[in-house]
Protein backbone atom coordinates (compact mmCIF):
# COMPACT_ATOMS: atom_id res chain seq x y z
CA MET A 1 116.08 143.54 104.88
CA THR A 2 119.21 140.61 105.12
CA SER A 3 117.90 138.93 108.04
CA LEU A 4 114.32 138.73 106.17
CA ILE A 5 116.47 136.87 102.89
CA LYS A 6 118.43 134.99 105.42
CA LEU A 7 114.82 133.92 106.81
CA LEU A 8 113.23 133.06 103.65
CA VAL A 9 116.72 131.11 102.25
CA ILE A 10 116.31 129.12 105.79
CA ALA A 11 112.63 128.41 104.87
CA VAL A 12 113.20 127.21 101.30
CA LEU A 13 115.42 124.97 102.92
CA LEU A 14 113.74 123.49 105.80
CA LEU A 15 110.77 122.82 103.62
CA PRO A 16 111.68 119.58 101.67
CA LEU A 17 112.21 118.37 105.18
CA PHE A 18 108.61 118.94 106.63
CA SER A 19 107.10 117.74 102.80
CA THR A 20 109.46 114.54 103.48
CA ASN A 21 108.12 113.87 106.80
CA SER A 22 104.40 114.44 105.47
CA HIS A 23 104.78 112.16 102.99
CA ALA A 24 106.15 109.49 105.13
CA GLN A 25 103.28 109.64 107.34
CA SER A 26 101.08 109.49 104.11
CA THR A 27 102.25 106.48 103.22
CA LYS A 28 102.83 104.82 106.66
CA GLN A 29 98.55 105.35 106.80
CA GLN A 30 98.33 103.78 103.05
CA ILE A 31 100.43 100.69 104.36
CA GLU A 32 98.40 100.35 107.70
CA GLU A 33 95.06 100.66 105.54
CA LEU A 34 96.60 98.13 103.06
CA LYS A 35 97.50 96.15 106.05
CA GLN A 36 93.52 96.32 107.23
CA GLN A 37 92.00 95.26 103.58
CA ILE A 38 94.69 92.26 103.97
CA GLU A 39 93.49 90.94 106.87
CA ALA A 40 89.75 91.56 105.66
CA ILE A 41 90.44 90.07 102.77
CA GLN A 42 92.09 86.54 104.76
CA LEU A 43 89.18 86.25 107.08
CA GLN A 44 86.64 86.53 104.00
CA ASN A 45 88.86 83.78 102.47
CA GLN A 46 88.65 81.94 105.53
CA GLN A 47 84.77 82.00 105.94
CA GLN A 48 84.46 80.94 102.55
CA ILE A 49 86.95 78.09 103.04
CA GLU A 50 84.75 76.75 106.10
CA GLN A 51 81.54 77.43 103.88
CA LEU A 52 83.20 75.01 101.20
CA LYS A 53 84.14 72.30 103.64
CA GLN A 54 80.76 72.65 105.30
CA GLN A 55 79.49 71.68 101.79
CA ILE A 56 82.18 68.83 100.78
CA GLU A 57 81.12 67.15 103.90
CA MET A 58 77.48 67.15 103.14
CA MET A 59 77.97 66.09 100.08
CA GLU A 60 80.50 63.41 100.88
CA THR A 61 77.44 62.04 103.69
CA SER A 62 74.82 62.29 101.21
CA ARG A 63 76.90 60.20 98.82
CA GLU A 64 77.55 57.67 101.17
CA ALA A 65 73.62 57.80 101.94
CA ASP A 66 73.32 57.28 97.80
CA LYS A 67 75.72 54.19 97.82
CA GLU A 68 73.76 52.76 101.20
CA ALA A 69 70.17 53.26 99.07
CA VAL A 70 71.94 51.65 95.71
CA ALA A 71 72.89 48.99 97.71
CA GLU A 72 69.94 47.79 99.43
CA ILE A 73 67.60 48.22 96.54
CA LYS A 74 70.31 45.87 94.62
CA GLU A 75 69.95 43.07 97.71
CA GLU A 76 65.91 43.42 97.61
CA GLN A 77 66.52 43.26 93.66
CA LYS A 78 68.77 40.24 94.02
CA ASP A 79 66.21 38.77 96.61
CA ALA A 80 62.94 39.26 95.08
CA TRP A 81 64.72 37.22 91.67
CA TYR A 82 65.90 34.39 93.95
CA ASN A 83 62.16 34.45 95.89
CA LYS A 84 60.44 34.34 92.28
CA PHE A 85 63.07 31.64 91.30
CA LYS A 86 62.83 29.52 94.48
CA ALA A 87 58.78 29.38 94.18
């Protein structure tokens, strides 16, 4: 009977040690999951940044083309006015 009580006391004293180890494993797993989520978010952000850079580049190219078209139209109008005046 005494040995049974001693065994129960030892078991009760060791129980928190096993619980702590289990909690540490759970925490470690949560940390790893959060790291994976961070990596996934960073990848998504990088992809969005690349898409935005491409959109900016396309808009700048379009803007330059529009500027050139406006300059050509102004030049044509200027030439047309000069030719009318000259005639």
